[in-house]
């Protein structure tokens, strides 16, 4: 047994003083769908609804063991790491100063305050996370506080490895295949370092934040030019140096870039069918099952559902993106003749399952025509082929803008 494994087991024993092991649950719905024995490691059921409490606990535990006088811990986070640090500051009776971007939703600020109580001070600094991080580190340098990295720290990686310690005890053996969400790499680095080469690993990143894949291609961590922050728990511009050192030999083919809109279909599926609330990052592993369906048939598979801190105010957006990805909702600009009965002619073309979800005149592009933004919802994607064929036959001019990100941003 390696020293890392010994340390991870000691960390796991320390966890039991704070919270029980998160459950490993077989999911019949997914097992039937993919013809495999699929289990979910439910990190969304931790006290802070994510695995982040583990790294915070282990790092703070070891710092305080080495220096009992250390009384101030600092982090920069707008999400799960902040909540994990806040929870552990209250548990250990130390002061936490948590830096968050000014743009952080009030729901996340309030949850962090609830977990930390009087032990936590929240400072809102900067519109962008880089500014927030810089302010946190400046504070540490000035005040002699200890900075808790969300992922790029050996003790944090070791703490996240306790997921694998529990998994082995609960399943009784290593799974054949394990799917891991990747942001900064702390969870995947910890689990892989503990389980070794036994399972086959699939690493899942959001398509708009593929920092691990970019690092594997370049041979070193690189900063992405742009990231899509929708999967906020895993949208990291650069994977950690220490985490990448443990993942540098990963095969690029084992990294999946999951489309953000497809993740939305998985969030809704797990909510509606299973009653499981997952945040976008928490749904990554389950979402990628469709990419490895041929590899996992007949095998024992574990998906780590890494977090369930979902803000239900985002549900309309998630539903919208899921419908567009599934092809049952489209937006198009229709050139409508400016004459009596033109709208009635258009309405006659709609099928029995086609509903108008949006109708907005944009402007008159010519004396006798006007542009209309139309949103249509239907029950099956193939219904749009029928609708567009009818529009063509009737001589209507239209443009499908569903996949046009620039137009959709301004018009939809």
Protein backbone atom coordinates (compact mmCIF):
# COMPACT_ATOMS: atom_id res chain seq x y z
CA UNK A 1 0.00 0.00 0.00
CA UNK A 2 1.37 3.40 -0.96
CA UNK A 3 1.82 6.29 1.46
CA UNK A 4 -0.89 8.17 -0.44
CA UNK A 5 -3.36 5.32 0.17
CA UNK A 6 -2.43 5.16 3.85
CA UNK A 7 -2.96 8.91 4.18
CA UNK A 8 -6.28 8.78 2.33
CA UNK A 9 -7.54 6.06 4.67
CA UNK A 10 -6.53 8.14 7.69
CA UNK A 11 -8.37 11.10 6.16
CA UNK A 12 -11.45 8.96 5.61
CA UNK A 13 -11.46 7.95 9.30
CA UNK A 14 -11.29 11.63 10.22
CA UNK A 15 -14.30 12.33 7.99
CA UNK A 16 -16.46 10.06 10.16
CA UNK A 17 -16.11 12.49 13.04
CA UNK A 18 -17.86 15.09 10.89
CA UNK A 19 -20.27 13.33 8.53
CA UNK A 20 -21.26 9.79 7.49
CA UNK A 21 -20.06 8.19 4.28
CA UNK A 22 -22.06 9.27 1.24
CA UNK A 23 -24.09 6.39 -0.19
CA UNK A 24 -23.19 4.27 -3.20
CA UNK A 25 -26.53 3.43 -4.81
CA UNK A 26 -27.32 1.15 -7.72
CA UNK A 27 -29.47 2.95 -10.29
CA UNK A 28 -31.93 0.63 -12.01
CA UNK A 29 -33.03 3.25 -14.55
CA UNK A 30 -29.52 3.81 -15.90
CA UNK A 31 -28.56 0.14 -15.58
CA UNK A 32 -31.49 -0.89 -17.77
CA UNK A 33 -30.82 1.87 -20.29
CA UNK A 34 -27.17 0.98 -20.82
CA UNK A 35 -27.19 -2.76 -20.12
CA UNK A 36 -24.68 -2.37 -17.30
CA UNK A 37 -24.55 -2.48 -13.51
CA UNK A 38 -24.45 1.26 -12.83
CA UNK A 39 -23.90 2.75 -9.40
CA UNK A 40 -23.95 6.39 -8.32
CA UNK A 41 -21.55 7.65 -5.68
CA UNK A 42 -23.81 10.33 -4.24
CA UNK A 43 -21.52 13.21 -3.29
CA UNK A 44 -24.57 15.43 -3.76
CA UNK A 45 -25.73 14.03 -0.40
CA UNK A 46 -22.81 15.30 1.68
CA UNK A 47 -23.57 17.95 4.35
CA UNK A 48 -22.74 20.70 1.82
CA UNK A 49 -24.19 18.79 -1.15
CA UNK A 50 -20.79 18.30 -2.80
CA UNK A 51 -17.50 16.47 -2.29
CA UNK A 52 -15.66 19.75 -1.61
CA UNK A 53 -16.06 19.34 2.13
CA UNK A 54 -13.57 16.47 1.98
CA UNK A 55 -10.60 18.42 0.69
CA UNK A 56 -11.33 21.32 3.03
CA UNK A 57 -11.59 18.99 6.03
CA UNK A 58 -8.36 17.15 5.30
CA UNK A 59 -6.31 20.26 4.53
CA UNK A 60 -7.52 22.14 7.62
CA UNK A 61 -7.08 19.07 9.81
CA UNK A 62 -3.44 18.70 8.79
CA UNK A 63 -2.63 22.41 9.00
CA UNK A 64 -4.07 22.63 12.52
CA UNK A 65 -2.21 19.48 13.57
CA UNK A 66 1.08 21.05 12.45
CA UNK A 67 0.29 24.54 13.78
CA UNK A 68 -2.53 24.77 16.35
CA UNK A 69 -2.11 28.56 16.42
CA UNK A 70 -3.26 28.96 12.82
CA UNK A 71 -6.63 30.63 13.25
CA UNK A 72 -7.53 32.14 9.89
CA UNK A 73 -8.24 30.27 6.66
CA UNK A 74 -8.96 31.96 3.34
CA UNK A 75 -10.44 30.77 0.06
CA UNK A 76 -11.65 32.26 -3.19
CA UNK A 77 -14.78 30.60 -4.51
CA UNK A 78 -18.28 31.34 -5.72
CA UNK A 79 -19.62 27.87 -5.08
CA UNK A 80 -19.04 24.49 -3.49
CA UNK A 81 -15.49 25.08 -2.24
CA UNK A 82 -16.66 28.14 -0.32
CA UNK A 83 -19.40 26.14 1.35
CA UNK A 84 -17.05 23.30 2.26
CA UNK A 85 -14.53 25.70 3.78
CA UNK A 86 -17.27 27.55 5.67
CA UNK A 87 -18.64 24.31 7.13
CA UNK A 88 -15.21 23.21 8.33
CA UNK A 89 -14.34 26.63 9.78
CA UNK A 90 -17.39 26.34 11.99
CA UNK A 91 -16.52 22.76 12.91
CA UNK A 92 -12.94 23.58 13.91
CA UNK A 93 -13.85 26.91 15.52
CA UNK A 94 -11.50 28.93 13.34
CA UNK A 95 -12.08 32.09 11.35
CA UNK A 96 -12.75 31.85 7.62
CA UNK A 97 -12.50 34.71 5.17
CA UNK A 98 -14.18 33.78 1.93
CA UNK A 99 -13.69 35.91 -1.15
CA UNK A 100 -16.44 35.78 -3.75
CA UNK A 101 -16.98 37.72 -6.99
CA UNK A 102 -19.42 40.62 -6.72
CA UNK A 103 -21.59 38.82 -9.28
CA UNK A 104 -22.11 35.74 -7.04
CA UNK A 105 -25.85 34.89 -6.73
CA UNK A 106 -27.34 35.70 -3.32
CA UNK A 107 -28.42 32.08 -2.90
CA UNK A 108 -24.77 30.93 -2.84
CA UNK A 109 -23.74 33.74 -0.52
CA UNK A 110 -26.54 32.89 1.90
CA UNK A 111 -25.74 29.17 1.92
CA UNK A 112 -22.09 29.91 2.67
CA UNK A 113 -23.15 32.16 5.56
CA UNK A 114 -25.47 29.45 6.89
CA UNK A 115 -22.73 26.80 6.87
CA UNK A 116 -20.10 29.07 8.41
CA UNK A 117 -22.20 31.08 10.85
CA UNK A 118 -20.27 33.60 12.93
CA UNK A 119 -16.98 31.94 12.00
CA UNK A 120 -17.09 33.17 8.43
CA UNK A 121 -16.62 36.59 6.88
CA UNK A 122 -17.56 36.99 3.20
CA UNK A 123 -15.84 39.61 1.07
CA UNK A 124 -17.27 40.38 -2.36
CA UNK A 125 -14.43 41.50 -4.61
CA UNK A 126 -14.15 41.81 -8.40
CA UNK A 127 -16.44 41.08 -11.30
CA UNK A 128 -14.27 38.14 -12.45
CA UNK A 129 -12.83 35.24 -10.49
CA UNK A 130 -9.22 36.12 -11.32
CA UNK A 131 -9.69 39.43 -9.49
CA UNK A 132 -11.28 37.61 -6.55
CA UNK A 133 -8.42 35.12 -6.36
CA UNK A 134 -5.80 37.88 -6.45
CA UNK A 135 -7.53 39.71 -3.60
CA UNK A 136 -7.67 36.53 -1.51
CA UNK A 137 -3.96 35.88 -1.93
CA UNK A 138 -3.10 39.49 -1.14
CA UNK A 139 -5.12 39.19 2.06
CA UNK A 140 -3.26 36.01 3.03
CA UNK A 141 0.12 37.67 2.49
CA UNK A 142 -0.87 40.68 4.57
CA UNK A 143 -2.61 38.85 7.42
CA UNK A 144 -0.62 35.62 7.67
CA UNK A 145 -3.72 33.57 6.89
CA UNK A 146 -3.65 30.11 5.28
CA UNK A 147 -4.92 29.92 1.70
CA UNK A 148 -7.02 26.85 0.92
CA UNK A 149 -6.83 26.01 -2.77
CA UNK A 150 -9.96 24.42 -4.24
CA UNK A 151 -7.94 21.70 -5.97
CA UNK A 152 -4.23 22.38 -6.48
CA UNK A 153 -3.07 21.25 -3.04
CA UNK A 154 -1.71 17.83 -2.00
CA UNK A 155 -3.83 17.69 1.16
CA UNK A 156 -6.96 18.65 -0.78
CA UNK A 157 -6.26 15.93 -3.37
CA UNK A 158 -5.75 13.46 -0.55
CA UNK A 159 -9.06 14.52 0.99
CA UNK A 160 -10.95 14.04 -2.27
CA UNK A 161 -9.45 10.53 -2.49
CA UNK A 162 -11.64 9.53 0.45
CA UNK A 163 -14.44 9.14 -2.10
CA UNK A 164 -12.49 6.15 -3.43
CA UNK A 165 -11.82 4.78 0.07
CA UNK A 166 -15.56 4.69 0.76
CA UNK A 167 -16.30 3.33 -2.69
CA UNK A 168 -14.02 0.35 -2.19
CA UNK A 169 -15.62 -0.45 1.18
CA UNK A 170 -19.15 -0.09 -0.17
CA UNK A 171 -18.73 -2.01 -3.41
CA UNK A 172 -16.27 -4.53 -2.01
CA UNK A 173 -13.95 -4.15 -4.97
CA UNK A 174 -12.87 -1.67 -7.61
CA UNK A 175 -15.47 -1.11 -10.36
CA UNK A 176 -14.71 -2.10 -13.94
CA UNK A 177 -15.28 1.46 -15.12
CA UNK A 178 -15.54 4.78 -13.31
CA UNK A 179 -16.66 8.12 -14.73
CA UNK A 180 -15.24 11.22 -13.06
CA UNK A 181 -16.16 14.88 -13.52
CA UNK A 182 -13.15 17.14 -14.02
CA UNK A 183 -12.79 20.83 -13.19
CA UNK A 184 -9.47 21.66 -11.58
CA UNK A 185 -8.68 17.97 -11.28
CA UNK A 186 -8.66 17.46 -7.49
CA UNK A 187 -11.34 14.77 -7.39
CA UNK A 188 -10.11 12.80 -10.39
CA UNK A 189 -6.46 13.03 -9.31
CA UNK A 190 -7.33 11.81 -5.82
CA UNK A 191 -9.53 8.91 -6.90
CA UNK A 192 -7.14 7.72 -9.60
CA UNK A 193 -4.15 7.95 -7.25
CA UNK A 194 -5.99 5.78 -4.74
CA UNK A 195 -7.56 3.17 -7.03
CA UNK A 196 -4.58 2.85 -9.37
CA UNK A 197 -4.82 1.02 -12.68
CA UNK A 198 -7.64 -1.36 -11.74
CA UNK A 199 -10.68 0.40 -13.24
CA UNK A 200 -11.00 1.99 -16.66
CA UNK A 201 -11.40 5.73 -16.19
CA UNK A 202 -13.44 8.20 -18.20
CA UNK A 203 -12.81 11.85 -17.39
CA UNK A 204 -15.67 14.21 -18.20
CA UNK A 205 -15.25 17.95 -18.75
CA UNK A 206 -17.78 20.51 -19.96
CA UNK A 207 -17.23 21.28 -23.65
CA UNK A 208 -16.70 24.93 -22.77
CA UNK A 209 -14.00 24.18 -20.20
CA UNK A 210 -11.79 21.35 -21.40
CA UNK A 211 -8.69 22.25 -19.39
CA UNK A 212 -7.52 18.65 -18.83
CA UNK A 213 -7.74 17.76 -22.51
CA UNK A 214 -5.94 20.96 -23.48
CA UNK A 215 -3.16 20.16 -21.00
CA UNK A 216 -2.81 16.60 -22.29
CA UNK A 217 -2.49 17.86 -25.87
CA UNK A 218 0.07 20.53 -24.88
CA UNK A 219 1.93 18.33 -22.40
CA UNK A 220 1.47 20.91 -19.63
CA UNK A 221 -1.30 22.96 -18.02
CA UNK A 222 -2.43 25.76 -20.32
CA UNK A 223 -4.88 28.61 -19.81
CA UNK A 224 -7.91 28.36 -22.07
CA UNK A 225 -8.63 31.48 -24.12
CA UNK A 226 -12.33 31.33 -23.27
CA UNK A 227 -14.58 29.23 -21.08
CA UNK A 228 -18.32 28.70 -20.91
CA UNK A 229 -19.31 29.20 -17.26
CA UNK A 230 -22.66 27.38 -17.44
CA UNK A 231 -21.17 24.30 -15.73
CA UNK A 232 -19.87 26.58 -13.02
CA UNK A 233 -18.64 23.80 -10.73
CA UNK A 234 -16.24 22.48 -13.40
CA UNK A 235 -15.60 25.40 -15.76
CA UNK A 236 -11.92 25.93 -14.96
CA UNK A 237 -9.62 27.83 -17.31
CA UNK A 238 -6.48 25.92 -16.29
CA UNK A 239 -6.09 22.56 -14.58
CA UNK A 240 -3.89 22.56 -11.49
CA UNK A 241 -0.16 21.88 -11.66
CA UNK A 242 -0.31 19.28 -8.89
CA UNK A 243 -3.45 17.63 -10.19
CA UNK A 244 -2.06 17.44 -13.72
CA UNK A 245 1.11 15.80 -12.39
CA UNK A 246 -1.14 12.89 -11.33
CA UNK A 247 -3.13 12.89 -14.59
CA UNK A 248 -0.46 13.63 -17.19
CA UNK A 249 -0.42 10.06 -18.54
CA UNK A 250 -4.18 9.95 -19.17
CA UNK A 251 -5.09 8.97 -22.73
CA UNK A 252 -6.82 11.90 -24.46
CA UNK A 253 -9.36 9.42 -25.86
CA UNK A 254 -10.50 8.80 -22.28
CA UNK A 255 -11.49 12.46 -21.87
CA UNK A 256 -15.05 13.37 -22.85
CA UNK A 257 -16.12 16.95 -23.57
CA UNK A 258 -19.81 17.02 -22.69
CA UNK A 259 -21.93 19.65 -24.50
CA UNK A 260 -23.55 22.05 -22.07
CA UNK A 261 -26.99 21.71 -23.67
CA UNK A 262 -26.81 17.91 -23.49
CA UNK A 263 -25.95 18.14 -19.79
CA UNK A 264 -29.25 19.98 -19.38
CA UNK A 265 -31.13 16.95 -20.74
CA UNK A 266 -29.37 14.79 -18.14
CA UNK A 267 -30.24 17.19 -15.30
CA UNK A 268 -33.92 17.04 -16.29
CA UNK A 269 -33.86 13.27 -16.77
CA UNK A 270 -32.40 12.66 -13.32
CA UNK A 271 -34.83 15.13 -11.75
CA UNK A 272 -37.99 13.93 -13.50
CA UNK A 273 -37.31 10.19 -13.54
CA UNK A 274 -35.23 9.65 -10.41
CA UNK A 275 -36.01 12.67 -8.27
CA UNK A 276 -32.27 13.38 -7.99
CA UNK A 277 -31.25 17.04 -7.98
CA UNK A 278 -27.88 17.56 -9.66
CA UNK A 279 -26.07 20.76 -10.51
CA UNK A 280 -24.51 20.89 -14.01
CA UNK A 281 -21.09 19.71 -12.78
CA UNK A 282 -22.76 16.99 -10.72
CA UNK A 283 -24.44 15.61 -13.83
CA UNK A 284 -21.25 15.35 -15.93
CA UNK A 285 -20.44 11.71 -15.16
CA UNK A 286 -24.00 10.50 -15.78
CA UNK A 287 -24.24 12.57 -18.97
CA UNK A 288 -21.14 10.89 -20.45
CA UNK A 289 -22.60 7.40 -20.12
CA UNK A 290 -24.01 7.86 -23.60
CA UNK A 291 -20.46 8.37 -24.96
CA UNK A 292 -19.14 5.12 -23.45
CA UNK A 293 -22.25 2.99 -23.92
CA UNK A 294 -20.41 0.43 -26.07
CA UNK A 295 -17.55 0.16 -23.56
CA UNK A 296 -19.59 -0.43 -20.41
CA UNK A 297 -22.18 -3.00 -21.51
CA UNK A 298 -22.26 -5.86 -19.00
CA UNK A 299 -19.78 -4.16 -16.65
CA UNK A 300 -19.89 -2.67 -13.17
CA UNK A 301 -19.78 1.11 -13.53
CA UNK A 302 -19.59 3.93 -11.00
CA UNK A 303 -20.54 7.54 -11.77
CA UNK A 304 -19.53 10.15 -9.21
CA UNK A 305 -22.38 12.64 -8.88
CA UNK A 306 -20.19 15.40 -7.52
CA UNK A 307 -22.70 18.02 -6.44
CA UNK A 308 -26.36 18.93 -6.04
CA UNK A 309 -26.24 22.66 -5.38
CA UNK A 310 -28.70 23.54 -8.10
CA UNK A 311 -30.37 26.92 -8.08
CA UNK A 312 -33.95 26.26 -9.21
CA UNK A 313 -34.14 29.77 -10.64
CA UNK A 314 -31.98 28.27 -13.42
CA UNK A 315 -34.56 25.58 -14.21
CA UNK A 316 -36.25 27.52 -17.06
CA UNK A 317 -32.85 27.99 -18.73
CA UNK A 318 -31.98 24.32 -18.25
CA UNK A 319 -35.31 23.26 -19.77
CA UNK A 320 -34.85 25.66 -22.69
CA UNK A 321 -31.35 24.38 -23.46
CA UNK A 322 -32.45 20.76 -23.13
CA UNK A 323 -35.35 21.28 -25.55
CA UNK A 324 -33.10 22.92 -28.11
CA UNK A 325 -30.50 20.14 -27.81
CA UNK A 326 -33.20 17.48 -28.17
CA UNK A 327 -34.54 19.22 -31.27
CA UNK A 328 -38.06 19.75 -29.94
CA UNK A 329 -37.76 23.53 -29.76
CA UNK A 330 -36.54 25.86 -32.47
CA UNK A 331 -36.41 29.56 -33.16
CA UNK A 332 -36.54 31.07 -36.60
CA UNK A 333 -37.06 34.43 -38.24
CA UNK A 334 -40.05 34.44 -40.59
CA UNK A 335 -40.54 36.98 -43.40
CA UNK A 336 -44.25 37.60 -43.12
CA UNK A 337 -46.26 39.44 -45.82
CA UNK A 338 -47.94 42.59 -44.54
CA UNK A 339 -51.44 41.72 -45.72
CA UNK A 340 -54.67 40.60 -44.07
CA UNK A 341 -54.76 36.85 -43.54
CA UNK A 342 -50.98 36.27 -43.76
CA UNK A 343 -50.70 35.25 -40.11
CA UNK A 344 -53.74 33.01 -40.46
CA UNK A 345 -52.08 31.30 -43.44
CA UNK A 346 -49.01 30.63 -41.33
CA UNK A 347 -51.01 29.25 -38.42
CA UNK A 348 -52.74 26.76 -40.73
CA UNK A 349 -49.32 25.28 -41.55
CA UNK A 350 -48.60 24.30 -37.94
CA UNK A 351 -49.08 20.66 -37.06
CA UNK A 352 -51.29 19.35 -34.21
CA UNK A 353 -48.29 19.03 -31.85
CA UNK A 354 -46.66 22.37 -32.74
CA UNK A 355 -47.06 25.14 -30.16
CA UNK A 356 -46.00 28.76 -30.52
CA UNK A 357 -43.74 29.59 -27.55
CA UNK A 358 -42.56 32.98 -28.82
CA UNK A 359 -44.00 35.44 -31.34
CA UNK A 360 -42.46 38.88 -31.72
CA UNK A 361 -42.42 41.37 -34.56
CA UNK A 362 -38.87 42.62 -35.06
CA UNK A 363 -39.20 45.25 -37.78
CA UNK A 364 -40.45 45.77 -41.30
CA UNK A 365 -37.69 44.87 -43.71
CA UNK A 366 -39.63 46.07 -46.73
CA UNK A 367 -42.81 47.90 -47.48
CA UNK A 368 -44.83 44.75 -47.87
CA UNK A 369 -43.01 42.40 -45.47
CA UNK A 370 -42.12 42.24 -41.78
CA UNK A 371 -39.70 40.05 -39.81
CA UNK A 372 -41.11 37.94 -37.00
CA UNK A 373 -39.21 35.99 -34.35
CA UNK A 374 -40.99 32.66 -33.91
CA UNK A 375 -40.34 30.05 -31.22
CA UNK A 376 -41.97 26.66 -31.76
CA UNK A 377 -42.18 23.74 -29.32
CA UNK A 378 -43.23 20.31 -30.49
CA UNK A 379 -43.26 16.72 -29.23
CA UNK A 380 -40.82 15.08 -31.66
CA UNK A 381 -37.80 16.54 -33.44
CA UNK A 382 -38.94 15.10 -36.78
CA UNK A 383 -42.04 17.31 -36.66
CA UNK A 384 -39.86 20.22 -37.75
CA UNK A 385 -39.02 18.51 -41.04
CA UNK A 386 -42.75 18.41 -41.78
CA UNK A 387 -43.24 22.02 -40.70
CA UNK A 388 -40.36 23.36 -42.78
CA UNK A 389 -41.53 21.38 -45.81
CA UNK A 390 -44.97 22.99 -45.50
CA UNK A 391 -43.41 26.45 -45.16
CA UNK A 392 -41.34 25.86 -48.29
CA UNK A 393 -44.38 24.66 -50.21
CA UNK A 394 -46.36 27.73 -49.14
CA UNK A 395 -43.57 30.06 -50.29
CA UNK A 396 -42.66 31.45 -46.87
CA UNK A 397 -39.11 32.74 -46.37
CA UNK A 398 -37.56 31.86 -43.00
CA UNK A 399 -34.22 31.34 -41.28
CA UNK A 400 -33.55 28.82 -38.48
CA UNK A 401 -31.49 30.66 -35.83
CA UNK A 402 -31.61 28.00 -33.08
CA UNK A 403 -27.93 27.23 -33.42
CA UNK A 404 -26.77 30.76 -34.14
CA UNK A 405 -25.18 31.76 -30.82
CA UNK A 406 -24.77 35.44 -31.64
CA UNK A 407 -28.33 35.96 -32.86
CA UNK A 408 -29.74 33.78 -30.09
CA UNK A 409 -27.92 35.87 -27.48
CA UNK A 410 -29.50 39.09 -28.72
CA UNK A 411 -32.94 37.86 -29.76
CA UNK A 412 -33.75 34.86 -27.56
